[in-house]
Protein backbone atom coordinates (compact mmCIF):
# COMPACT_ATOMS: atom_id res chain seq x y z
CA UNK A 1 182.19 -7.81 61.73
CA UNK A 2 182.83 -9.78 58.57
CA UNK A 3 179.57 -11.67 59.02
CA UNK A 4 177.69 -8.36 59.38
CA UNK A 5 179.23 -7.02 56.15
CA UNK A 6 178.40 -10.28 54.36
CA UNK A 7 174.83 -10.14 55.58
CA UNK A 8 174.49 -6.58 54.25
CA UNK A 9 175.90 -7.61 50.89
CA UNK A 10 173.50 -10.54 50.69
CA UNK A 11 170.57 -8.27 51.53
CA UNK A 12 171.58 -5.84 48.79
CA UNK A 13 171.98 -8.69 46.31
CA UNK A 14 168.54 -10.11 47.16
CA UNK A 15 167.01 -6.66 46.79
CA UNK A 16 168.56 -6.24 43.35
CA UNK A 17 167.31 -9.68 42.27
CA UNK A 18 163.82 -8.90 43.58
CA UNK A 19 163.72 -5.57 41.75
CA UNK A 20 164.87 -7.25 38.54
CA UNK A 21 162.19 -9.92 38.82
CA UNK A 22 159.55 -7.29 39.61
CA UNK A 23 160.58 -5.23 36.61
CA UNK A 24 160.50 -8.30 34.35
CA UNK A 25 157.04 -9.32 35.56
CA UNK A 26 155.84 -5.75 35.18
CA UNK A 27 157.10 -5.57 31.61
CA UNK A 28 155.45 -8.91 30.81
CA UNK A 29 152.13 -7.82 32.31
CA UNK A 30 152.31 -4.51 30.47
CA UNK A 31 152.61 -6.37 27.17
CA UNK A 32 149.41 -8.34 27.74
CA UNK A 33 145.78 -7.53 26.95
CA UNK A 34 143.26 -8.10 29.76
CA UNK A 35 139.67 -9.02 28.89
CA UNK A 36 136.99 -9.23 31.57
CA UNK A 37 133.86 -11.40 31.46
CA UNK A 38 131.25 -11.00 34.20
CA UNK A 39 127.68 -12.09 34.84
CA UNK A 40 125.67 -15.29 34.61
CA UNK A 41 126.49 -18.04 37.13
CA UNK A 42 124.85 -20.45 34.67
CA UNK A 43 127.52 -19.51 32.12
CA UNK A 44 130.44 -19.30 34.56
CA UNK A 45 131.89 -22.78 33.82
CA UNK A 46 131.47 -22.18 30.09
CA UNK A 47 133.18 -18.80 30.22
CA UNK A 48 136.04 -20.27 32.24
CA UNK A 49 136.58 -23.10 29.77
CA UNK A 50 136.56 -20.71 26.81
CA UNK A 51 139.02 -18.45 28.62
CA UNK A 52 141.43 -21.29 29.43
CA UNK A 53 141.41 -22.62 25.86
CA UNK A 54 141.78 -19.15 24.30
CA UNK A 55 144.63 -18.10 26.61
CA UNK A 56 146.52 -21.31 25.86
CA UNK A 57 146.54 -20.28 22.20
CA UNK A 58 147.00 -16.55 22.85
CA UNK A 59 149.57 -16.09 25.64
CA UNK A 60 149.47 -12.31 25.18
CA UNK A 61 145.87 -12.23 26.51
CA UNK A 62 144.66 -12.54 30.11
CA UNK A 63 140.94 -13.28 30.55
CA UNK A 64 139.27 -12.74 33.92
CA UNK A 65 135.91 -14.53 34.38
CA UNK A 66 133.57 -13.91 37.31
CA UNK A 67 129.92 -14.66 38.10
CA UNK A 68 127.38 -12.89 40.28
CA UNK A 69 124.32 -13.22 38.06
CA UNK A 70 123.18 -11.84 34.72
CA UNK A 71 121.84 -8.67 36.31
CA UNK A 72 125.19 -8.04 37.98
CA UNK A 73 126.97 -8.58 34.65
CA UNK A 74 124.68 -6.19 32.77
CA UNK A 75 125.13 -3.56 35.50
CA UNK A 76 128.92 -3.99 35.15
CA UNK A 77 128.64 -3.54 31.38
CA UNK A 78 126.62 -0.35 31.88
CA UNK A 79 129.10 1.12 34.37
CA UNK A 80 132.06 0.15 32.21
CA UNK A 81 133.68 -2.34 34.59
CA UNK A 82 133.52 -5.36 32.27
CA UNK A 83 134.28 -5.89 28.59
CA UNK A 84 131.77 -8.70 28.09
CA UNK A 85 128.62 -9.48 30.03
CA UNK A 86 127.54 -13.13 30.17
CA UNK A 87 123.76 -13.36 30.47
CA UNK A 88 121.29 -16.23 30.58
CA UNK A 89 118.44 -13.86 29.74
CA UNK A 90 117.82 -11.12 27.21
CA UNK A 91 118.78 -7.58 28.14
CA UNK A 92 115.79 -5.49 29.29
CA UNK A 93 114.61 -2.25 27.61
CA UNK A 94 115.47 -0.20 30.71
CA UNK A 95 119.00 -1.61 30.64
CA UNK A 96 119.35 -0.77 26.95
CA UNK A 97 118.30 2.80 27.74
CA UNK A 98 121.10 3.04 30.32
CA UNK A 99 123.63 1.75 27.77
CA UNK A 100 122.46 4.38 25.28
CA UNK A 101 122.76 7.10 27.90
CA UNK A 102 126.34 6.18 28.78
CA UNK A 103 127.79 4.85 25.52
CA UNK A 104 125.40 6.23 22.89
CA UNK A 105 124.85 2.61 21.86
CA UNK A 106 122.15 0.03 22.51
CA UNK A 107 124.88 -2.60 22.86
CA UNK A 108 125.67 -5.72 20.86
CA UNK A 109 123.90 -9.02 21.58
CA UNK A 110 125.70 -12.23 20.61
CA UNK A 111 124.01 -15.61 21.20
CA UNK A 112 126.88 -17.96 22.08
CA UNK A 113 125.09 -21.15 23.21
CA UNK A 114 121.70 -22.70 23.89
CA UNK A 115 120.35 -24.19 27.08
CA UNK A 116 117.38 -26.20 28.19
CA UNK A 117 116.43 -24.78 31.56
CA UNK A 118 116.08 -27.94 33.65
CA UNK A 119 113.57 -28.68 36.39
CA UNK A 120 115.52 -30.70 38.95
CA UNK A 121 113.92 -33.50 40.97
CA UNK A 122 115.38 -35.69 43.68
CA UNK A 123 116.20 -39.14 42.29
CA UNK A 124 113.79 -40.72 44.82
CA UNK A 125 110.85 -38.60 43.68
CA UNK A 126 108.40 -40.76 41.66
CA UNK A 127 107.04 -37.74 39.74
CA UNK A 128 108.64 -37.92 36.27
CA UNK A 129 106.86 -35.16 34.38
CA UNK A 130 104.98 -31.91 34.92
CA UNK A 131 103.10 -29.63 32.58
CA UNK A 132 103.65 -25.88 32.52
CA UNK A 133 100.41 -25.18 34.42
CA UNK A 134 101.44 -27.54 37.23
CA UNK A 135 104.94 -26.06 37.37
CA UNK A 136 103.53 -22.56 37.68
CA UNK A 137 101.08 -23.68 40.37
CA UNK A 138 103.93 -25.26 42.36
CA UNK A 139 106.16 -22.20 42.27
CA UNK A 140 103.40 -19.66 42.96
CA UNK A 141 102.33 -21.70 46.00
CA UNK A 142 98.95 -22.78 44.63
CA UNK A 143 100.03 -26.45 44.80
CA UNK A 144 101.99 -27.35 47.93
CA UNK A 145 101.73 -31.15 48.12
CA UNK A 146 103.28 -33.70 45.75
CA UNK A 147 100.05 -35.77 45.82
CA UNK A 148 98.34 -33.03 43.77
CA UNK A 149 100.67 -33.74 40.83
CA UNK A 150 100.78 -37.53 41.08
CA UNK A 151 103.36 -37.93 43.82
CA UNK A 152 103.39 -38.94 47.49
CA UNK A 153 101.44 -37.16 50.23
CA UNK A 154 104.31 -34.88 51.27
CA UNK A 155 105.00 -31.15 51.25
CA UNK A 156 106.80 -29.72 48.20
CA UNK A 157 110.02 -27.92 49.13
CA UNK A 158 110.85 -25.11 46.69
CA UNK A 159 114.35 -23.98 45.77
CA UNK A 160 115.07 -21.03 43.50
CA UNK A 161 117.63 -18.40 42.44
CA UNK A 162 118.17 -14.85 43.70
CA UNK A 163 116.51 -12.04 41.75
CA UNK A 164 119.80 -10.86 40.17
CA UNK A 165 119.92 -14.16 38.29
CA UNK A 166 118.98 -14.37 34.62
CA UNK A 167 117.65 -17.86 35.30
CA UNK A 168 115.32 -16.39 37.95
CA UNK A 169 114.07 -13.81 35.44
CA UNK A 170 113.62 -16.36 32.66
CA UNK A 171 111.68 -18.71 34.95
CA UNK A 172 109.49 -15.91 36.28
CA UNK A 173 108.70 -14.61 32.77
CA UNK A 174 108.20 -17.95 31.03
CA UNK A 175 106.80 -20.20 33.76
CA UNK A 176 105.15 -17.90 36.30
CA UNK A 177 104.09 -15.51 33.53
CA UNK A 178 105.21 -12.55 35.59
CA UNK A 179 103.63 -13.62 38.88
CA UNK A 180 105.64 -13.70 42.10
CA UNK A 181 107.37 -16.75 43.48
CA UNK A 182 105.76 -18.35 46.52
CA UNK A 183 107.03 -16.86 49.80
CA UNK A 184 108.28 -20.28 50.90
CA UNK A 185 110.74 -20.54 48.00
CA UNK A 186 114.22 -20.94 49.43
CA UNK A 187 116.53 -18.59 47.52
CA UNK A 188 120.04 -19.93 46.97
CA UNK A 189 123.15 -18.22 45.54
CA UNK A 190 123.88 -20.19 42.40
CA UNK A 191 122.61 -23.17 40.45
CA UNK A 192 125.13 -25.53 42.03
CA UNK A 193 123.62 -24.77 45.44
CA UNK A 194 120.13 -25.59 44.13
CA UNK A 195 121.29 -28.90 42.67
CA UNK A 196 123.02 -29.79 45.93
CA UNK A 197 119.88 -28.96 47.94
CA UNK A 198 117.55 -31.00 45.71
CA UNK A 199 119.98 -33.93 45.68
CA UNK A 200 119.73 -34.06 49.48
CA UNK A 201 115.98 -33.37 49.77
CA UNK A 202 113.63 -36.06 48.45
CA UNK A 203 110.74 -33.57 48.53
CA UNK A 204 112.67 -30.77 46.84
CA UNK A 205 112.31 -29.21 43.40
CA UNK A 206 114.60 -26.69 41.72
CA UNK A 207 115.52 -25.22 38.35
CA UNK A 208 118.63 -24.16 36.48
CA UNK A 209 120.93 -24.81 33.54
CA UNK A 210 121.06 -28.27 31.99
CA UNK A 211 124.82 -28.51 32.52
CA UNK A 212 124.40 -28.57 36.31
CA UNK A 213 122.06 -31.58 36.52
CA UNK A 214 124.44 -33.95 38.32
CA UNK A 215 123.10 -36.08 41.18
CA UNK A 216 119.52 -35.05 40.43
CA UNK A 217 116.98 -36.09 37.82
CA UNK A 218 115.61 -33.89 35.06
CA UNK A 219 111.82 -33.74 35.02
CA UNK A 220 110.05 -34.07 31.67
CA UNK A 221 108.13 -30.89 30.87
CA UNK A 222 104.88 -30.72 28.88
CA UNK A 223 103.48 -27.60 27.24
CA UNK A 224 100.02 -28.57 28.46
CA UNK A 225 98.16 -31.55 29.87
CA UNK A 226 97.56 -33.08 26.43
CA UNK A 227 101.14 -32.72 25.17
CA UNK A 228 104.06 -35.13 25.31
CA UNK A 229 106.66 -34.52 28.00
CA UNK A 230 110.23 -33.78 26.88
CA UNK A 231 113.64 -33.68 28.52
CA UNK A 232 116.16 -30.86 27.89
CA UNK A 233 118.29 -32.75 25.34
CA UNK A 234 120.08 -31.29 22.33
CA UNK A 235 117.66 -33.00 19.96
CA UNK A 236 114.61 -31.58 21.76
CA UNK A 237 116.15 -28.11 22.06
CA UNK A 238 116.89 -28.01 18.30
CA UNK A 239 113.43 -29.31 17.45
CA UNK A 240 111.78 -26.75 19.71
CA UNK A 241 109.81 -29.41 21.58
CA UNK A 242 111.24 -28.69 25.04
CA UNK A 243 109.17 -25.77 26.42
CA UNK A 244 111.96 -24.11 28.41
CA UNK A 245 114.78 -23.68 25.89
CA UNK A 246 116.72 -20.42 25.81
CA UNK A 247 119.79 -18.75 24.35
CA UNK A 248 122.83 -17.82 26.41
CA UNK A 249 124.26 -14.43 25.46
CA UNK A 250 127.35 -12.28 25.45
CA UNK A 251 126.65 -8.54 25.56
CA UNK A 252 129.13 -5.81 24.62
CA UNK A 253 128.83 -2.04 24.50
CA UNK A 254 129.95 -1.93 20.86
CA UNK A 255 131.04 -4.08 17.94
CA UNK A 256 134.02 -6.19 19.05
CA UNK A 257 137.49 -5.44 17.73
CA UNK A 258 141.02 -6.69 18.33
CA UNK A 259 141.51 -9.45 20.89
CA UNK A 260 137.88 -9.24 22.03
CA UNK A 261 136.75 -10.01 18.46
CA UNK A 262 139.21 -12.91 18.37
CA UNK A 263 137.67 -14.24 21.59
CA UNK A 264 134.12 -13.89 20.24
CA UNK A 265 135.12 -15.62 17.01
CA UNK A 266 136.71 -18.42 19.02
CA UNK A 267 133.60 -18.96 21.17
CA UNK A 268 131.49 -19.28 18.01
CA UNK A 269 134.02 -21.45 16.16
CA UNK A 270 133.81 -25.22 15.84
CA UNK A 271 136.35 -25.61 18.66
CA UNK A 272 134.47 -23.15 20.87
CA UNK A 273 131.11 -24.82 20.27
CA UNK A 274 132.69 -28.19 21.04
CA UNK A 275 133.44 -26.79 24.50
CA UNK A 276 129.76 -25.81 24.79
CA UNK A 277 128.85 -29.50 24.40
CA UNK A 278 131.57 -30.63 26.80
CA UNK A 279 130.30 -28.29 29.50
CA UNK A 280 126.75 -29.62 29.07
CA UNK A 281 125.02 -26.94 27.00
CA UNK A 282 124.14 -26.97 23.31
CA UNK A 283 125.64 -25.35 20.19
CA UNK A 284 124.12 -22.05 19.18
CA UNK A 285 123.29 -23.32 15.66
């Protein structure tokens, strides 16, 4: 009987402690600001690093960072489910129209970093450079054998991003000039998956952000057959000599205020741009 009474008392005590802890956590959470970033998989590691550094200095702020692709991030911005969209491409006119319809604003575009979109080659591939015409011919399916661009007599295996990706859109607009990708292009969910595939496939070719080029080799890219080939380095991006350089953006529905403005200011600060370099991208200025 005594043991039963003791057990009941212990249960009550544990319940009280649990309720106290729950209330404390609830009060703490209520006192914090939550900021959401969603979009570009290319920018995902950069957004995560910015978030970690900012939260360490601002314990009253919780930042949630997720990927899914630039198109997914812009859609989330339009439907109001994210505070900041991370995008590796510019917002499209039709998307701006949707923002205007919902928020009576065309949105705010903030370039936060620069990138040299890399063309990944397997380290065993002897082809070291391609011009833009050759690259287009490869990805539209006009050229299907490495021998046609100075390589071995083997089939070219194409890897690319899904159509919700800003990198997909940038490549299609600036390399394929609006034409469709070859039907044999293997679509993979994320740049890391492309890098992994090319690293394992000596006949593979892929594309994506410069920061992901680990275990593969960057291909030099030439504007045309008579030009010099360049790699996506900071020097070449700044000089404008690498043909596939681009800005990485944050999009908001309106001018940032409060903690969101503090976060934007941090990303553009010297400390924030140092993180850009550490991740493998390039400062915005």
